[in-house]
Amino acid sequence: MKAFRRPRIRSLVAATSVAGALVLGLGAPAYADYSSPTYSTLKACNEARPKYQSSWTKPQACRPMYNWDGTKVIGYAFLVITRA
């Protein structure tokens, strides 16, 4: 294209590319804490926890999940947090 032969446009495209690369390269990772699926038993919950272990995430302890009014345990789940 003839437009890229102009020095101003070429410099603008180069500067935009460098700025975009810096933003993507130096940006901090997003913190995305989330809850695991609900497991029917505590044993199943504890067995699933290692699958969520990575260099970025760390599973917390399994906790009981209650029904809407808090009277009955409906399963177990754990929180997966982002490592600092």
N, C-alpha and C. Protein backbone atom coordinates (compact mmCIF):
# COMPACT_ATOMS: atom_id res chain seq x y z
N MET A 1 0.82 -1.18 0.00
CA MET A 1 0.00 0.00 0.00
C MET A 1 0.87 1.25 0.00
N LYS A 2 0.41 2.26 -0.65
CA LYS A 2 1.15 3.51 -0.72
C LYS A 2 1.20 4.23 0.62
N ALA A 3 0.21 3.99 1.46
CA ALA A 3 0.15 4.70 2.74
C ALA A 3 1.34 4.35 3.63
N PHE A 4 1.85 3.13 3.56
CA PHE A 4 2.96 2.72 4.41
C PHE A 4 4.30 3.26 3.92
N ARG A 5 4.32 3.88 2.78
CA ARG A 5 5.55 4.50 2.29
C ARG A 5 5.79 5.86 2.94
N ARG A 6 4.77 6.41 3.54
CA ARG A 6 4.91 7.71 4.20
C ARG A 6 5.54 7.51 5.58
N PRO A 7 6.53 8.32 5.91
CA PRO A 7 7.24 8.14 7.19
C PRO A 7 6.35 8.34 8.42
N ARG A 8 5.41 9.27 8.37
CA ARG A 8 4.56 9.51 9.54
C ARG A 8 3.68 8.31 9.84
N ILE A 9 3.08 7.75 8.81
CA ILE A 9 2.19 6.59 9.01
C ILE A 9 3.00 5.39 9.47
N ARG A 10 4.17 5.20 8.88
CA ARG A 10 5.03 4.09 9.27
C ARG A 10 5.45 4.22 10.73
N SER A 11 5.80 5.42 11.15
CA SER A 11 6.18 5.65 12.55
C SER A 11 5.00 5.44 13.49
N LEU A 12 3.82 5.88 13.08
CA LEU A 12 2.63 5.70 13.91
C LEU A 12 2.30 4.22 14.08
N VAL A 13 2.40 3.44 13.01
CA VAL A 13 2.13 1.99 13.09
C VAL A 13 3.18 1.32 13.98
N ALA A 14 4.43 1.69 13.84
CA ALA A 14 5.49 1.11 14.65
C ALA A 14 5.30 1.45 16.13
N ALA A 15 4.98 2.69 16.42
CA ALA A 15 4.79 3.10 17.82
C ALA A 15 3.58 2.40 18.44
N THR A 16 2.53 2.26 17.67
CA THR A 16 1.34 1.55 18.17
C THR A 16 1.65 0.09 18.44
N SER A 17 2.44 -0.53 17.58
CA SER A 17 2.81 -1.94 17.78
C SER A 17 3.66 -2.12 19.03
N VAL A 18 4.61 -1.23 19.23
CA VAL A 18 5.47 -1.31 20.41
C VAL A 18 4.66 -1.07 21.68
N ALA A 19 3.77 -0.09 21.67
CA ALA A 19 2.94 0.18 22.84
C ALA A 19 2.04 -1.00 23.17
N GLY A 20 1.44 -1.61 22.15
CA GLY A 20 0.59 -2.78 22.38
C GLY A 20 1.37 -3.95 22.95
N ALA A 21 2.58 -4.16 22.45
CA ALA A 21 3.42 -5.25 22.97
C ALA A 21 3.81 -5.00 24.42
N LEU A 22 4.11 -3.75 24.76
CA LEU A 22 4.44 -3.43 26.15
C LEU A 22 3.27 -3.66 27.09
N VAL A 23 2.09 -3.26 26.66
CA VAL A 23 0.90 -3.45 27.50
C VAL A 23 0.65 -4.94 27.73
N LEU A 24 0.74 -5.74 26.68
CA LEU A 24 0.50 -7.17 26.82
C LEU A 24 1.63 -7.87 27.58
N GLY A 25 2.86 -7.45 27.36
CA GLY A 25 3.99 -8.12 27.98
C GLY A 25 4.21 -7.76 29.43
N LEU A 26 3.92 -6.55 29.81
CA LEU A 26 4.19 -6.09 31.17
C LEU A 26 2.96 -6.08 32.06
N GLY A 27 1.81 -6.38 31.53
CA GLY A 27 0.58 -6.36 32.31
C GLY A 27 0.55 -7.46 33.35
N ALA A 28 -0.03 -7.16 34.48
CA ALA A 28 -0.18 -8.16 35.54
C ALA A 28 -1.29 -9.13 35.17
N PRO A 29 -1.18 -10.38 35.63
CA PRO A 29 -2.24 -11.34 35.34
C PRO A 29 -3.53 -10.96 36.05
N ALA A 30 -4.62 -11.31 35.46
CA ALA A 30 -5.92 -11.02 36.06
C ALA A 30 -6.15 -11.94 37.26
N TYR A 31 -6.72 -11.40 38.29
CA TYR A 31 -7.06 -12.21 39.45
C TYR A 31 -8.45 -12.77 39.23
N ALA A 32 -8.51 -14.07 39.11
CA ALA A 32 -9.78 -14.70 38.76
C ALA A 32 -10.11 -15.79 39.77
N ASP A 33 -10.42 -15.42 40.98
CA ASP A 33 -10.82 -16.41 41.98
C ASP A 33 -12.20 -16.93 41.61
N TYR A 34 -12.37 -18.23 41.75
CA TYR A 34 -13.66 -18.82 41.41
C TYR A 34 -13.92 -20.03 42.28
N SER A 35 -15.16 -20.44 42.32
CA SER A 35 -15.59 -21.58 43.10
C SER A 35 -15.63 -22.82 42.21
N SER A 36 -15.25 -23.95 42.77
CA SER A 36 -15.26 -25.20 42.02
C SER A 36 -16.70 -25.69 41.85
N PRO A 37 -16.89 -26.72 41.03
CA PRO A 37 -18.22 -27.34 40.98
C PRO A 37 -18.56 -27.96 42.34
N THR A 38 -19.80 -28.20 42.57
CA THR A 38 -20.23 -28.83 43.82
C THR A 38 -20.12 -30.35 43.69
N TYR A 39 -19.45 -30.97 44.66
CA TYR A 39 -19.27 -32.42 44.69
C TYR A 39 -20.19 -33.00 45.74
N SER A 40 -20.67 -34.20 45.49
CA SER A 40 -21.67 -34.80 46.38
C SER A 40 -21.10 -35.23 47.73
N THR A 41 -19.82 -35.61 47.77
CA THR A 41 -19.22 -36.04 49.03
C THR A 41 -17.93 -35.28 49.29
N LEU A 42 -17.52 -35.27 50.54
CA LEU A 42 -16.28 -34.62 50.92
C LEU A 42 -15.09 -35.35 50.29
N LYS A 43 -15.15 -36.65 50.20
CA LYS A 43 -14.08 -37.44 49.60
C LYS A 43 -13.90 -37.06 48.13
N ALA A 44 -14.99 -36.95 47.39
CA ALA A 44 -14.91 -36.57 45.97
C ALA A 44 -14.35 -35.16 45.82
N CYS A 45 -14.72 -34.28 46.72
CA CYS A 45 -14.21 -32.91 46.69
C CYS A 45 -12.70 -32.89 46.90
N ASN A 46 -12.23 -33.61 47.91
CA ASN A 46 -10.80 -33.65 48.20
C ASN A 46 -10.01 -34.31 47.08
N GLU A 47 -10.59 -35.29 46.41
CA GLU A 47 -9.91 -35.95 45.29
C GLU A 47 -9.80 -35.03 44.07
N ALA A 48 -10.72 -34.09 43.92
CA ALA A 48 -10.72 -33.18 42.77
C ALA A 48 -9.78 -31.99 42.95
N ARG A 49 -9.42 -31.67 44.17
CA ARG A 49 -8.60 -30.48 44.43
C ARG A 49 -7.26 -30.45 43.69
N PRO A 50 -6.50 -31.56 43.59
CA PRO A 50 -5.21 -31.50 42.88
C PRO A 50 -5.34 -31.11 41.40
N LYS A 51 -6.49 -31.35 40.79
CA LYS A 51 -6.68 -31.00 39.38
C LYS A 51 -6.68 -29.49 39.17
N TYR A 52 -6.93 -28.72 40.22
CA TYR A 52 -6.99 -27.27 40.13
C TYR A 52 -5.69 -26.60 40.57
N GLN A 53 -4.66 -27.39 40.90
CA GLN A 53 -3.36 -26.86 41.32
C GLN A 53 -2.54 -26.55 40.08
N SER A 54 -2.02 -25.34 39.99
CA SER A 54 -1.14 -24.96 38.89
C SER A 54 -0.17 -23.90 39.36
N SER A 55 0.65 -23.41 38.45
CA SER A 55 1.58 -22.36 38.83
C SER A 55 0.87 -21.04 39.08
N TRP A 56 -0.37 -20.90 38.59
CA TRP A 56 -1.15 -19.67 38.76
C TRP A 56 -2.24 -19.78 39.80
N THR A 57 -2.74 -20.99 40.05
CA THR A 57 -3.88 -21.16 40.95
C THR A 57 -3.57 -22.10 42.10
N LYS A 58 -4.32 -21.94 43.17
CA LYS A 58 -4.15 -22.75 44.36
C LYS A 58 -5.52 -23.05 44.95
N PRO A 59 -5.91 -24.32 45.06
CA PRO A 59 -7.22 -24.64 45.64
C PRO A 59 -7.19 -24.52 47.17
N GLN A 60 -8.27 -24.03 47.72
CA GLN A 60 -8.43 -23.93 49.17
C GLN A 60 -9.08 -25.22 49.69
N ALA A 61 -9.39 -25.26 50.97
CA ALA A 61 -10.00 -26.43 51.59
C ALA A 61 -11.46 -26.59 51.15
N CYS A 62 -11.93 -27.83 51.14
CA CYS A 62 -13.33 -28.10 50.81
C CYS A 62 -14.23 -27.62 51.94
N ARG A 63 -15.33 -27.03 51.57
CA ARG A 63 -16.29 -26.51 52.54
C ARG A 63 -17.69 -27.00 52.18
N PRO A 64 -18.54 -27.19 53.18
CA PRO A 64 -19.92 -27.62 52.86
C PRO A 64 -20.71 -26.50 52.19
N MET A 65 -21.55 -26.88 51.25
CA MET A 65 -22.44 -25.95 50.57
C MET A 65 -23.86 -26.26 51.05
N TYR A 66 -24.60 -25.24 51.43
CA TYR A 66 -25.93 -25.42 52.01
C TYR A 66 -27.02 -25.03 51.02
N ASN A 67 -28.23 -25.51 51.29
CA ASN A 67 -29.37 -25.12 50.46
C ASN A 67 -29.71 -23.66 50.73
N TRP A 68 -30.76 -23.17 50.08
CA TRP A 68 -31.08 -21.74 50.11
C TRP A 68 -31.32 -21.17 51.49
N ASP A 69 -31.83 -21.97 52.43
CA ASP A 69 -32.09 -21.43 53.77
C ASP A 69 -31.06 -21.90 54.81
N GLY A 70 -30.01 -22.58 54.37
CA GLY A 70 -28.93 -22.97 55.26
C GLY A 70 -29.21 -24.10 56.20
N THR A 71 -30.18 -24.95 55.89
CA THR A 71 -30.54 -26.02 56.81
C THR A 71 -30.00 -27.39 56.40
N LYS A 72 -29.58 -27.57 55.15
CA LYS A 72 -29.16 -28.88 54.68
C LYS A 72 -27.92 -28.75 53.81
N VAL A 73 -26.93 -29.64 54.03
CA VAL A 73 -25.73 -29.66 53.20
C VAL A 73 -26.09 -30.33 51.88
N ILE A 74 -25.86 -29.62 50.77
CA ILE A 74 -26.19 -30.18 49.46
C ILE A 74 -24.96 -30.68 48.71
N GLY A 75 -23.78 -30.42 49.25
CA GLY A 75 -22.54 -30.87 48.62
C GLY A 75 -21.36 -30.13 49.19
N TYR A 76 -20.20 -30.31 48.53
CA TYR A 76 -18.97 -29.67 48.99
C TYR A 76 -18.29 -29.00 47.80
N ALA A 77 -17.65 -27.88 48.07
CA ALA A 77 -16.94 -27.13 47.03
C ALA A 77 -15.74 -26.43 47.68
N PHE A 78 -14.85 -25.93 46.85
CA PHE A 78 -13.69 -25.21 47.34
C PHE A 78 -13.45 -24.00 46.46
N LEU A 79 -12.73 -23.03 47.02
CA LEU A 79 -12.40 -21.82 46.29
C LEU A 79 -11.03 -22.01 45.65
N VAL A 80 -10.89 -21.60 44.39
CA VAL A 80 -9.61 -21.63 43.69
C VAL A 80 -9.14 -20.19 43.60
N ILE A 81 -7.98 -19.91 44.20
CA ILE A 81 -7.48 -18.53 44.22
C ILE A 81 -6.25 -18.39 43.32
N THR A 82 -5.99 -17.18 42.90
CA THR A 82 -4.83 -16.87 42.09
C THR A 82 -3.64 -16.64 43.03
N ARG A 83 -2.52 -17.23 42.70
CA ARG A 83 -1.32 -17.04 43.52
C ARG A 83 -0.81 -15.62 43.39
N ALA A 84 -0.30 -15.09 44.47
CA ALA A 84 0.21 -13.71 44.46
C ALA A 84 1.66 -13.67 44.04
